[in-house]
Amino acid sequence: MLYTQNVDAKLLELLDGLMQSDTFKGFNLVGGTALALQIGHRLSVDIDLFGNSEINEIEFAQELSLFGKTIVLKKSKNIIIYTVNGIKIDFVNYNYPLLKKTETVDSIRLASLEDIAAMKLNAISGRGSKKDFIDLYFLLKNFSLKEMIDFYAKKYEDGSSFLVIKSLTYFEDAEKDEMPIMTKPITWANIKDSILREATKLK
């Protein structure tokens, strides 16, 4: 069962269409929306689609235009970001391995919690957003931080677990972000305290 109430009905309809399109069959839903649909902790408003698939800008734009007004926000060799009827969609050609096979639920190809955990730690080691830390807090209800660090190390062999652990105690950038709408109530202060406590155990 998915927590479909955690995303807007229009986003869910668009996501369903993208998942059934042959053009995007090599892409899976990751990130906050994939997590929100699986654990129901907060509202999520965009679509992150990652896959080990080439990005064809012309083909993608033609296909997306079938779903509504399509605007390109940003593009590079391996990343292209659109809005479709105001809903942001990231397509990323992602060469890192899946830790677990994706699961298809209600036509949606979902990244595993293990993969999402590894990717959240990778994001935090760069510039962690408030949403990343919130998602991590709720993932800690499924895994220990040590387990998640192990997921990260397996997924990102070129990464630095030391840097990840260090980044878990740095909240300055995230402080500037707005708190998302939570469906499982928690305060930002409690999230920081919990993550700091777990990170300290690994030092």
N, C-alpha and C. Protein backbone atom coordinates (compact mmCIF):
# COMPACT_ATOMS: atom_id res chain seq x y z
N MET A 1 0.83 -1.19 0.00
CA MET A 1 0.00 0.00 0.00
C MET A 1 0.87 1.25 0.00
N LEU A 2 0.53 2.19 -0.85
CA LEU A 2 1.26 3.45 -0.91
C LEU A 2 0.48 4.55 -0.19
N TYR A 3 1.22 5.49 0.40
CA TYR A 3 0.60 6.64 1.07
C TYR A 3 0.34 7.73 0.02
N THR A 4 -0.63 7.46 -0.85
CA THR A 4 -0.88 8.38 -1.96
C THR A 4 -1.42 9.73 -1.49
N GLN A 5 -1.95 9.77 -0.26
CA GLN A 5 -2.44 11.05 0.27
C GLN A 5 -1.29 12.03 0.53
N ASN A 6 -0.05 11.55 0.46
CA ASN A 6 1.10 12.41 0.73
C ASN A 6 1.61 13.15 -0.51
N VAL A 7 0.97 12.92 -1.64
CA VAL A 7 1.31 13.68 -2.85
C VAL A 7 0.02 14.20 -3.47
N ASP A 8 0.14 15.28 -4.22
CA ASP A 8 -1.01 15.87 -4.89
C ASP A 8 -1.57 14.91 -5.94
N ALA A 9 -2.87 14.93 -6.12
CA ALA A 9 -3.52 14.03 -7.08
C ALA A 9 -2.99 14.25 -8.50
N LYS A 10 -2.69 15.50 -8.86
CA LYS A 10 -2.17 15.78 -10.21
C LYS A 10 -0.76 15.22 -10.38
N LEU A 11 0.05 15.30 -9.32
CA LEU A 11 1.39 14.71 -9.37
C LEU A 11 1.28 13.20 -9.53
N LEU A 12 0.38 12.58 -8.79
CA LEU A 12 0.22 11.13 -8.86
C LEU A 12 -0.23 10.70 -10.25
N GLU A 13 -1.13 11.47 -10.84
CA GLU A 13 -1.61 11.16 -12.19
C GLU A 13 -0.47 11.29 -13.21
N LEU A 14 0.33 12.34 -13.08
CA LEU A 14 1.47 12.53 -13.97
C LEU A 14 2.49 11.42 -13.79
N LEU A 15 2.77 11.08 -12.55
CA LEU A 15 3.74 10.02 -12.25
C LEU A 15 3.28 8.69 -12.85
N ASP A 16 2.01 8.40 -12.74
CA ASP A 16 1.47 7.17 -13.32
C ASP A 16 1.68 7.15 -14.84
N GLY A 17 1.45 8.29 -15.48
CA GLY A 17 1.66 8.37 -16.92
C GLY A 17 3.11 8.19 -17.31
N LEU A 18 4.01 8.80 -16.55
CA LEU A 18 5.45 8.67 -16.83
C LEU A 18 5.91 7.23 -16.68
N MET A 19 5.38 6.55 -15.67
CA MET A 19 5.78 5.17 -15.41
C MET A 19 5.30 4.22 -16.51
N GLN A 20 4.22 4.58 -17.16
CA GLN A 20 3.68 3.71 -18.22
C GLN A 20 4.23 4.04 -19.60
N SER A 21 5.01 5.12 -19.69
CA SER A 21 5.59 5.54 -20.97
C SER A 21 6.83 4.71 -21.30
N ASP A 22 6.90 4.20 -22.51
CA ASP A 22 8.09 3.45 -22.95
C ASP A 22 9.34 4.34 -22.95
N THR A 23 9.16 5.63 -23.18
CA THR A 23 10.29 6.56 -23.23
C THR A 23 11.04 6.59 -21.91
N PHE A 24 10.32 6.43 -20.80
CA PHE A 24 10.93 6.57 -19.48
C PHE A 24 11.03 5.25 -18.72
N LYS A 25 10.95 4.13 -19.44
CA LYS A 25 10.92 2.83 -18.76
C LYS A 25 12.22 2.50 -18.03
N GLY A 26 13.32 3.19 -18.37
CA GLY A 26 14.60 2.93 -17.70
C GLY A 26 14.79 3.75 -16.44
N PHE A 27 13.76 4.52 -16.04
CA PHE A 27 13.89 5.41 -14.89
C PHE A 27 12.98 4.96 -13.74
N ASN A 28 13.51 5.14 -12.52
CA ASN A 28 12.78 4.75 -11.31
C ASN A 28 12.58 5.96 -10.41
N LEU A 29 11.52 5.93 -9.62
CA LEU A 29 11.25 7.01 -8.69
C LEU A 29 12.14 6.88 -7.46
N VAL A 30 12.84 7.97 -7.14
CA VAL A 30 13.73 7.99 -5.98
C VAL A 30 13.37 9.22 -5.14
N GLY A 31 14.20 9.50 -4.14
CA GLY A 31 14.08 10.75 -3.39
C GLY A 31 12.90 10.82 -2.44
N GLY A 32 12.56 12.07 -2.10
CA GLY A 32 11.55 12.31 -1.08
C GLY A 32 10.17 11.79 -1.43
N THR A 33 9.79 11.88 -2.71
CA THR A 33 8.47 11.39 -3.10
C THR A 33 8.40 9.87 -3.01
N ALA A 34 9.46 9.19 -3.43
CA ALA A 34 9.50 7.72 -3.29
C ALA A 34 9.40 7.32 -1.82
N LEU A 35 10.08 8.07 -0.96
CA LEU A 35 10.05 7.76 0.47
C LEU A 35 8.68 8.08 1.07
N ALA A 36 8.13 9.24 0.72
CA ALA A 36 6.83 9.65 1.26
C ALA A 36 5.73 8.66 0.88
N LEU A 37 5.79 8.15 -0.35
CA LEU A 37 4.80 7.16 -0.77
C LEU A 37 4.93 5.85 -0.01
N GLN A 38 6.16 5.54 0.43
CA GLN A 38 6.39 4.26 1.12
C GLN A 38 6.20 4.33 2.63
N ILE A 39 6.51 5.48 3.25
CA ILE A 39 6.41 5.54 4.71
C ILE A 39 5.42 6.61 5.21
N GLY A 40 4.98 7.50 4.33
CA GLY A 40 3.93 8.43 4.69
C GLY A 40 4.27 9.46 5.75
N HIS A 41 5.50 9.99 5.70
CA HIS A 41 5.94 10.88 6.78
C HIS A 41 5.72 12.36 6.51
N ARG A 42 5.71 12.76 5.22
CA ARG A 42 5.55 14.18 4.88
C ARG A 42 4.96 14.31 3.49
N LEU A 43 4.51 15.51 3.17
CA LEU A 43 4.06 15.78 1.81
C LEU A 43 5.27 15.99 0.91
N SER A 44 5.14 15.60 -0.35
CA SER A 44 6.23 15.80 -1.31
C SER A 44 5.63 16.29 -2.62
N VAL A 45 6.35 17.19 -3.29
CA VAL A 45 5.73 17.94 -4.38
C VAL A 45 6.45 17.84 -5.72
N ASP A 46 7.50 17.02 -5.81
CA ASP A 46 8.19 16.90 -7.09
C ASP A 46 8.53 15.45 -7.38
N ILE A 47 9.06 15.22 -8.57
CA ILE A 47 9.33 13.86 -9.05
C ILE A 47 10.80 13.75 -9.42
N ASP A 48 11.51 12.82 -8.80
CA ASP A 48 12.91 12.54 -9.12
C ASP A 48 12.99 11.17 -9.77
N LEU A 49 13.41 11.14 -11.02
CA LEU A 49 13.52 9.88 -11.77
C LEU A 49 14.97 9.65 -12.16
N PHE A 50 15.54 8.59 -11.61
CA PHE A 50 16.93 8.25 -11.86
C PHE A 50 16.99 6.90 -12.58
N GLY A 51 17.96 6.77 -13.47
CA GLY A 51 18.16 5.49 -14.14
C GLY A 51 19.47 5.48 -14.89
N ASN A 52 19.96 4.29 -15.14
CA ASN A 52 21.18 4.16 -15.94
C ASN A 52 20.76 4.16 -17.41
N SER A 53 20.24 5.30 -17.84
CA SER A 53 19.68 5.45 -19.18
C SER A 53 20.07 6.80 -19.75
N GLU A 54 20.32 6.81 -21.05
CA GLU A 54 20.71 8.04 -21.71
C GLU A 54 19.54 9.03 -21.75
N ILE A 55 19.85 10.30 -21.63
CA ILE A 55 18.83 11.34 -21.68
C ILE A 55 18.78 11.92 -23.09
N ASN A 56 17.63 11.77 -23.72
CA ASN A 56 17.41 12.30 -25.07
C ASN A 56 16.47 13.50 -24.95
N GLU A 57 17.04 14.69 -24.98
CA GLU A 57 16.26 15.90 -24.70
C GLU A 57 15.06 16.06 -25.63
N ILE A 58 15.27 15.84 -26.92
CA ILE A 58 14.18 16.03 -27.89
C ILE A 58 13.07 15.01 -27.67
N GLU A 59 13.46 13.75 -27.52
CA GLU A 59 12.47 12.69 -27.31
C GLU A 59 11.71 12.90 -25.99
N PHE A 60 12.45 13.28 -24.95
CA PHE A 60 11.82 13.50 -23.64
C PHE A 60 10.81 14.65 -23.72
N ALA A 61 11.21 15.75 -24.36
CA ALA A 61 10.34 16.92 -24.46
C ALA A 61 9.06 16.59 -25.24
N GLN A 62 9.21 15.82 -26.31
CA GLN A 62 8.04 15.44 -27.11
C GLN A 62 7.08 14.59 -26.28
N GLU A 63 7.63 13.64 -25.54
CA GLU A 63 6.79 12.76 -24.73
C GLU A 63 6.12 13.53 -23.59
N LEU A 64 6.89 14.39 -22.93
CA LEU A 64 6.34 15.14 -21.80
C LEU A 64 5.24 16.10 -22.24
N SER A 65 5.36 16.62 -23.46
CA SER A 65 4.35 17.57 -23.96
C SER A 65 2.97 16.93 -24.06
N LEU A 66 2.93 15.61 -24.12
CA LEU A 66 1.64 14.90 -24.16
C LEU A 66 0.90 15.03 -22.83
N PHE A 67 1.67 15.32 -21.76
CA PHE A 67 1.06 15.40 -20.43
C PHE A 67 0.68 16.83 -20.04
N GLY A 68 1.16 17.81 -20.80
CA GLY A 68 0.82 19.19 -20.48
C GLY A 68 1.93 20.16 -20.83
N LYS A 69 1.79 21.39 -20.36
CA LYS A 69 2.77 22.44 -20.65
C LYS A 69 4.13 22.08 -20.05
N THR A 70 5.14 21.98 -20.93
CA THR A 70 6.46 21.51 -20.52
C THR A 70 7.49 22.62 -20.68
N ILE A 71 8.24 22.86 -19.63
CA ILE A 71 9.30 23.88 -19.63
C ILE A 71 10.59 23.24 -19.14
N VAL A 72 11.70 23.52 -19.84
CA VAL A 72 13.02 23.07 -19.40
C VAL A 72 13.57 24.09 -18.41
N LEU A 73 13.93 23.63 -17.22
CA LEU A 73 14.52 24.53 -16.22
C LEU A 73 16.03 24.50 -16.25
N LYS A 74 16.59 23.32 -16.48
CA LYS A 74 18.05 23.17 -16.41
C LYS A 74 18.44 21.91 -17.16
N LYS A 75 19.60 21.94 -17.82
CA LYS A 75 20.03 20.73 -18.50
C LYS A 75 21.55 20.65 -18.54
N SER A 76 22.03 19.42 -18.47
CA SER A 76 23.45 19.12 -18.66
C SER A 76 23.51 17.74 -19.31
N LYS A 77 24.69 17.19 -19.42
CA LYS A 77 24.83 15.91 -20.12
C LYS A 77 24.00 14.81 -19.46
N ASN A 78 24.01 14.75 -18.14
CA ASN A 78 23.37 13.64 -17.43
C ASN A 78 22.16 14.03 -16.60
N ILE A 79 21.78 15.30 -16.62
CA ILE A 79 20.64 15.76 -15.83
C ILE A 79 19.81 16.72 -16.68
N ILE A 80 18.50 16.53 -16.64
CA ILE A 80 17.61 17.51 -17.26
C ILE A 80 16.40 17.68 -16.34
N ILE A 81 16.05 18.93 -16.09
CA ILE A 81 14.97 19.24 -15.16
C ILE A 81 13.87 19.99 -15.91
N TYR A 82 12.66 19.50 -15.78
CA TYR A 82 11.50 20.10 -16.43
C TYR A 82 10.46 20.49 -15.38
N THR A 83 9.52 21.32 -15.81
CA THR A 83 8.22 21.37 -15.14
C THR A 83 7.17 20.97 -16.16
N VAL A 84 6.22 20.19 -15.71
CA VAL A 84 5.07 19.81 -16.53
C VAL A 84 3.82 20.24 -15.76
N ASN A 85 3.12 21.21 -16.31
CA ASN A 85 1.97 21.81 -15.61
C ASN A 85 2.36 22.26 -14.20
N GLY A 86 3.58 22.79 -14.09
CA GLY A 86 4.05 23.32 -12.82
C GLY A 86 4.67 22.32 -11.87
N ILE A 87 4.65 21.03 -12.23
CA ILE A 87 5.24 19.99 -11.38
C ILE A 87 6.68 19.74 -11.83
N LYS A 88 7.62 19.85 -10.90
CA LYS A 88 9.04 19.69 -11.26
C LYS A 88 9.39 18.21 -11.39
N ILE A 89 10.10 17.90 -12.47
CA ILE A 89 10.57 16.54 -12.73
C ILE A 89 12.06 16.58 -13.03
N ASP A 90 12.84 15.83 -12.28
CA ASP A 90 14.27 15.67 -12.54
C ASP A 90 14.51 14.31 -13.19
N PHE A 91 15.18 14.30 -14.33
CA PHE A 91 15.67 13.06 -14.94
C PHE A 91 17.18 13.04 -14.78
N VAL A 92 17.70 11.97 -14.22
CA VAL A 92 19.15 11.87 -14.00
C VAL A 92 19.65 10.54 -14.54
N ASN A 93 20.64 10.61 -15.43
CA ASN A 93 21.34 9.41 -15.90
C ASN A 93 22.34 9.04 -14.81
N TYR A 94 22.05 7.98 -14.09
CA TYR A 94 22.72 7.68 -12.82
C TYR A 94 23.43 6.34 -12.93
N ASN A 95 24.75 6.38 -12.84
CA ASN A 95 25.53 5.17 -13.10
C ASN A 95 25.86 4.35 -11.86
N TYR A 96 25.35 4.76 -10.70
CA TYR A 96 25.62 4.00 -9.48
C TYR A 96 24.68 2.81 -9.38
N PRO A 97 25.15 1.68 -8.83
CA PRO A 97 24.34 0.45 -8.81
C PRO A 97 23.18 0.53 -7.83
N LEU A 98 22.13 -0.20 -8.14
CA LEU A 98 21.04 -0.37 -7.18
C LEU A 98 21.46 -1.39 -6.12
N LEU A 99 21.19 -1.09 -4.87
CA LEU A 99 21.49 -2.04 -3.79
C LEU A 99 20.46 -3.15 -3.76
N LYS A 100 19.23 -2.79 -4.09
CA LYS A 100 18.15 -3.77 -4.15
C LYS A 100 17.32 -3.49 -5.40
N LYS A 101 16.72 -4.52 -5.92
CA LYS A 101 15.86 -4.37 -7.09
C LYS A 101 14.69 -3.45 -6.75
N THR A 102 14.31 -2.62 -7.71
CA THR A 102 13.15 -1.75 -7.48
C THR A 102 11.89 -2.59 -7.35
N GLU A 103 10.94 -2.04 -6.62
CA GLU A 103 9.64 -2.71 -6.46
C GLU A 103 8.58 -1.88 -7.18
N THR A 104 7.74 -2.54 -7.95
CA THR A 104 6.66 -1.84 -8.65
C THR A 104 5.37 -2.00 -7.86
N VAL A 105 4.83 -0.87 -7.42
CA VAL A 105 3.58 -0.86 -6.67
C VAL A 105 2.64 0.12 -7.36
N ASP A 106 1.45 -0.34 -7.71
CA ASP A 106 0.47 0.50 -8.42
C ASP A 106 1.11 1.19 -9.63
N SER A 107 1.89 0.43 -10.37
CA SER A 107 2.57 0.84 -11.62
C SER A 107 3.80 1.72 -11.39
N ILE A 108 4.10 2.09 -10.13
CA ILE A 108 5.22 2.98 -9.85
C ILE A 108 6.46 2.17 -9.47
N ARG A 109 7.55 2.39 -10.21
CA ARG A 109 8.82 1.71 -9.93
C ARG A 109 9.55 2.48 -8.83
N LEU A 110 9.59 1.89 -7.64
CA LEU A 110 10.11 2.58 -6.46
C LEU A 110 11.50 2.09 -6.08
N ALA A 111 12.40 3.03 -5.84
CA ALA A 111 13.70 2.67 -5.27
C ALA A 111 13.48 2.11 -3.87
N SER A 112 14.34 1.19 -3.46
CA SER A 112 14.25 0.59 -2.13
C SER A 112 14.60 1.61 -1.05
N LEU A 113 14.19 1.34 0.17
CA LEU A 113 14.57 2.21 1.29
C LEU A 113 16.08 2.23 1.47
N GLU A 114 16.73 1.10 1.18
CA GLU A 114 18.19 1.04 1.28
C GLU A 114 18.86 2.00 0.30
N ASP A 115 18.37 2.00 -0.94
CA ASP A 115 18.93 2.91 -1.95
C ASP A 115 18.62 4.36 -1.61
N ILE A 116 17.40 4.62 -1.16
CA ILE A 116 17.05 5.99 -0.78
C ILE A 116 17.92 6.47 0.37
N ALA A 117 18.17 5.60 1.35
CA ALA A 117 19.02 5.97 2.49
C ALA A 117 20.42 6.34 2.02
N ALA A 118 20.99 5.52 1.14
CA ALA A 118 22.34 5.81 0.62
C ALA A 118 22.35 7.13 -0.13
N MET A 119 21.33 7.39 -0.92
CA MET A 119 21.26 8.61 -1.71
C MET A 119 21.04 9.84 -0.84
N LYS A 120 20.29 9.68 0.23
CA LYS A 120 20.09 10.79 1.17
C LYS A 120 21.42 11.16 1.84
N LEU A 121 22.18 10.16 2.24
CA LEU A 121 23.50 10.44 2.84
C LEU A 121 24.42 11.11 1.84
N ASN A 122 24.34 10.69 0.59
CA ASN A 122 25.16 11.32 -0.45
C ASN A 122 24.77 12.79 -0.63
N ALA A 123 23.48 13.06 -0.60
CA ALA A 123 23.00 14.45 -0.72
C ALA A 123 23.46 15.29 0.47
N ILE A 124 23.37 14.72 1.67
CA ILE A 124 23.77 15.44 2.88
C ILE A 124 25.26 15.73 2.88
N SER A 125 26.05 14.83 2.30
CA SER A 125 27.50 15.06 2.25
C SER A 125 27.86 16.20 1.30
N GLY A 126 26.91 16.56 0.43
CA GLY A 126 27.10 17.73 -0.44
C GLY A 126 26.55 18.95 0.25
N ARG A 127 25.29 19.22 0.01
CA ARG A 127 24.61 20.32 0.70
C ARG A 127 23.28 19.77 1.19
N GLY A 128 23.22 19.36 2.43
CA GLY A 128 22.02 18.74 2.96
C GLY A 128 20.89 19.72 3.16
N SER A 129 19.74 19.44 2.55
CA SER A 129 18.56 20.28 2.75
C SER A 129 17.82 19.82 4.00
N LYS A 130 16.91 20.64 4.46
CA LYS A 130 16.10 20.26 5.63
C LYS A 130 15.33 18.98 5.33
N LYS A 131 14.80 18.86 4.11
CA LYS A 131 14.05 17.66 3.72
C LYS A 131 14.93 16.41 3.79
N ASP A 132 16.21 16.55 3.40
CA ASP A 132 17.12 15.40 3.45
C ASP A 132 17.30 14.92 4.89
N PHE A 133 17.49 15.85 5.81
CA PHE A 133 17.67 15.47 7.21
C PHE A 133 16.38 14.89 7.79
N ILE A 134 15.24 15.45 7.41
CA ILE A 134 13.96 14.91 7.87
C ILE A 134 13.77 13.48 7.37
N ASP A 135 14.06 13.27 6.09
CA ASP A 135 13.93 11.93 5.52
C ASP A 135 14.87 10.96 6.23
N LEU A 136 16.08 11.41 6.51
CA LEU A 136 17.05 10.57 7.22
C LEU A 136 16.53 10.19 8.60
N TYR A 137 15.96 11.14 9.30
CA TYR A 137 15.40 10.88 10.64
C TYR A 137 14.39 9.74 10.58
N PHE A 138 13.51 9.77 9.59
CA PHE A 138 12.49 8.72 9.51
C PHE A 138 13.07 7.40 9.01
N LEU A 139 14.11 7.46 8.19
CA LEU A 139 14.80 6.23 7.78
C LEU A 139 15.48 5.55 8.96
N LEU A 140 15.86 6.35 9.96
CA LEU A 140 16.48 5.78 11.17
C LEU A 140 15.51 4.91 11.96
N LYS A 141 14.25 4.94 11.62
CA LYS A 141 13.27 4.06 12.25
C LYS A 141 13.27 2.67 11.59
N ASN A 142 13.93 2.59 10.43
CA ASN A 142 14.05 1.31 9.72
C ASN A 142 15.45 0.72 9.80
N PHE A 143 16.46 1.58 9.87
CA PHE A 143 17.85 1.14 9.87
C PHE A 143 18.64 1.92 10.91
N SER A 144 19.72 1.32 11.38
CA SER A 144 20.66 2.08 12.21
C SER A 144 21.48 2.98 11.29
N LEU A 145 22.10 4.00 11.86
CA LEU A 145 22.95 4.88 11.05
C LEU A 145 24.12 4.10 10.48
N LYS A 146 24.66 3.18 11.25
CA LYS A 146 25.78 2.36 10.75
C LYS A 146 25.35 1.56 9.52
N GLU A 147 24.15 1.00 9.56
CA GLU A 147 23.65 0.26 8.39
C GLU A 147 23.55 1.18 7.18
N MET A 148 23.07 2.39 7.41
CA MET A 148 22.92 3.32 6.29
C MET A 148 24.27 3.76 5.73
N ILE A 149 25.24 3.94 6.61
CA ILE A 149 26.60 4.26 6.15
C ILE A 149 27.13 3.11 5.29
N ASP A 150 26.83 1.88 5.70
CA ASP A 150 27.24 0.72 4.91
C ASP A 150 26.56 0.72 3.54
N PHE A 151 25.28 1.08 3.50
CA PHE A 151 24.58 1.17 2.21
C PHE A 151 25.28 2.21 1.33
N TYR A 152 25.61 3.34 1.92
CA TYR A 152 26.29 4.42 1.19
C TYR A 152 27.61 3.92 0.61
N ALA A 153 28.40 3.23 1.44
CA ALA A 153 29.73 2.76 1.01
C ALA A 153 29.62 1.75 -0.14
N LYS A 154 28.58 0.93 -0.11
CA LYS A 154 28.39 -0.05 -1.18
C LYS A 154 27.93 0.62 -2.48
N LYS A 155 27.10 1.62 -2.34
CA LYS A 155 26.56 2.28 -3.54
C LYS A 155 27.57 3.24 -4.15
N TYR A 156 28.33 3.92 -3.29
CA TYR A 156 29.28 4.93 -3.76
C TYR A 156 30.69 4.52 -3.35
N GLU A 157 31.28 3.65 -4.14
CA GLU A 157 32.61 3.15 -3.80
C GLU A 157 33.65 4.26 -3.83
N ASP A 158 33.36 5.33 -4.56
CA ASP A 158 34.29 6.46 -4.65
C ASP A 158 33.95 7.54 -3.61
N GLY A 159 33.01 7.27 -2.73
CA GLY A 159 32.60 8.25 -1.72
C GLY A 159 33.43 8.18 -0.46
N SER A 160 33.13 9.07 0.48
CA SER A 160 33.85 9.13 1.75
C SER A 160 32.86 9.03 2.91
N SER A 161 32.88 7.89 3.59
CA SER A 161 32.01 7.72 4.76
C SER A 161 32.38 8.70 5.86
N PHE A 162 33.66 9.02 5.96
CA PHE A 162 34.11 10.00 6.96
C PHE A 162 33.45 11.35 6.72
N LEU A 163 33.41 11.78 5.46
CA LEU A 163 32.79 13.06 5.11
C LEU A 163 31.29 13.03 5.40
N VAL A 164 30.66 11.90 5.13
CA VAL A 164 29.22 11.77 5.40
C VAL A 164 28.95 11.96 6.88
N ILE A 165 29.70 11.27 7.72
CA ILE A 165 29.49 11.36 9.18
C ILE A 165 29.71 12.79 9.66
N LYS A 166 30.73 13.42 9.13
CA LYS A 166 31.02 14.81 9.50
C LYS A 166 29.86 15.73 9.08
N SER A 167 29.30 15.47 7.90
CA SER A 167 28.22 16.31 7.38
C SER A 167 26.94 16.18 8.19
N LEU A 168 26.79 15.07 8.90
CA LEU A 168 25.58 14.83 9.69
C LEU A 168 25.47 15.74 10.90
N THR A 169 26.53 16.46 11.20
CA THR A 169 26.51 17.38 12.34
C THR A 169 26.48 18.85 11.89
N TYR A 170 26.30 19.05 10.58
CA TYR A 170 26.30 20.41 10.03
C TYR A 170 24.91 20.72 9.48
N PHE A 171 24.20 21.61 10.17
CA PHE A 171 22.82 21.92 9.80
C PHE A 171 22.63 23.35 9.29
N GLU A 172 23.73 24.10 9.18
CA GLU A 172 23.62 25.53 8.91
C GLU A 172 22.84 25.84 7.63
N ASP A 173 23.16 25.13 6.54
CA ASP A 173 22.45 25.37 5.28
C ASP A 173 20.97 24.99 5.40
N ALA A 174 20.72 23.87 6.07
CA ALA A 174 19.35 23.37 6.19
C ALA A 174 18.47 24.30 7.03
N GLU A 175 19.09 25.03 7.95
CA GLU A 175 18.32 25.94 8.81
C GLU A 175 17.54 26.96 7.99
N LYS A 176 18.05 27.30 6.81
CA LYS A 176 17.42 28.34 5.98
C LYS A 176 16.18 27.83 5.25
N ASP A 177 16.04 26.52 5.17
CA ASP A 177 14.92 25.93 4.41
C ASP A 177 13.63 25.96 5.22
N GLU A 178 12.52 26.02 4.50
CA GLU A 178 11.22 25.92 5.16
C GLU A 178 10.97 24.48 5.58
N MET A 179 10.22 24.32 6.65
CA MET A 179 9.81 22.99 7.10
C MET A 179 8.69 22.50 6.18
N PRO A 180 8.84 21.30 5.61
CA PRO A 180 7.75 20.78 4.79
C PRO A 180 6.53 20.44 5.65
N ILE A 181 5.41 20.23 5.01
CA ILE A 181 4.21 19.82 5.75
C ILE A 181 4.36 18.36 6.15
N MET A 182 4.33 18.12 7.45
CA MET A 182 4.54 16.78 7.98
C MET A 182 3.20 16.09 8.20
N THR A 183 3.15 14.80 7.89
CA THR A 183 1.96 14.00 8.21
C THR A 183 2.24 13.09 9.40
N LYS A 184 3.50 12.98 9.78
CA LYS A 184 3.90 12.36 11.05
C LYS A 184 4.60 13.46 11.84
N PRO A 185 3.92 14.05 12.82
CA PRO A 185 4.43 15.25 13.49
C PRO A 185 5.80 15.04 14.15
N ILE A 186 6.68 16.01 13.93
CA ILE A 186 8.02 16.01 14.54
C ILE A 186 8.55 17.44 14.43
N THR A 187 9.37 17.84 15.37
CA THR A 187 9.96 19.18 15.30
C THR A 187 11.37 19.09 14.71
N TRP A 188 11.80 20.19 14.11
CA TRP A 188 13.15 20.28 13.55
C TRP A 188 14.19 20.08 14.65
N ALA A 189 13.93 20.62 15.83
CA ALA A 189 14.87 20.47 16.95
C ALA A 189 15.03 19.00 17.33
N ASN A 190 13.95 18.26 17.36
CA ASN A 190 14.02 16.83 17.70
C ASN A 190 14.78 16.05 16.63
N ILE A 191 14.58 16.42 15.38
CA ILE A 191 15.28 15.75 14.28
C ILE A 191 16.79 15.96 14.41
N LYS A 192 17.20 17.20 14.64
CA LYS A 192 18.63 17.49 14.79
C LYS A 192 19.23 16.74 15.98
N ASP A 193 18.54 16.77 17.10
CA ASP A 193 19.04 16.09 18.30
C ASP A 193 19.22 14.60 18.06
N SER A 194 18.25 14.00 17.41
CA SER A 194 18.30 12.56 17.15
C SER A 194 19.45 12.20 16.21
N ILE A 195 19.62 12.97 15.14
CA ILE A 195 20.70 12.69 14.19
C ILE A 195 22.06 12.93 14.82
N LEU A 196 22.19 14.00 15.58
CA LEU A 196 23.46 14.27 16.28
C LEU A 196 23.82 13.14 17.23
N ARG A 197 22.83 12.65 17.94
CA ARG A 197 23.06 11.56 18.89
C ARG A 197 23.56 10.31 18.17
N GLU A 198 22.93 9.99 17.05
CA GLU A 198 23.34 8.80 16.30
C GLU A 198 24.72 8.99 15.65
N ALA A 199 24.97 10.18 15.13
CA ALA A 199 26.27 10.45 14.49
C ALA A 199 27.40 10.40 15.50
N THR A 200 27.15 10.87 16.71
CA THR A 200 28.18 10.88 17.76
C THR A 200 28.61 9.46 18.11
N LYS A 201 27.70 8.51 18.02
CA LYS A 201 28.02 7.11 18.33
C LYS A 201 29.05 6.54 17.35
N LEU A 202 29.11 7.10 16.15
CA LEU A 202 30.01 6.57 15.12
C LEU A 202 31.38 7.23 15.13
N LYS A 203 31.53 8.28 15.93
CA LYS A 203 32.81 9.01 15.93
C LYS A 203 33.82 8.33 16.84
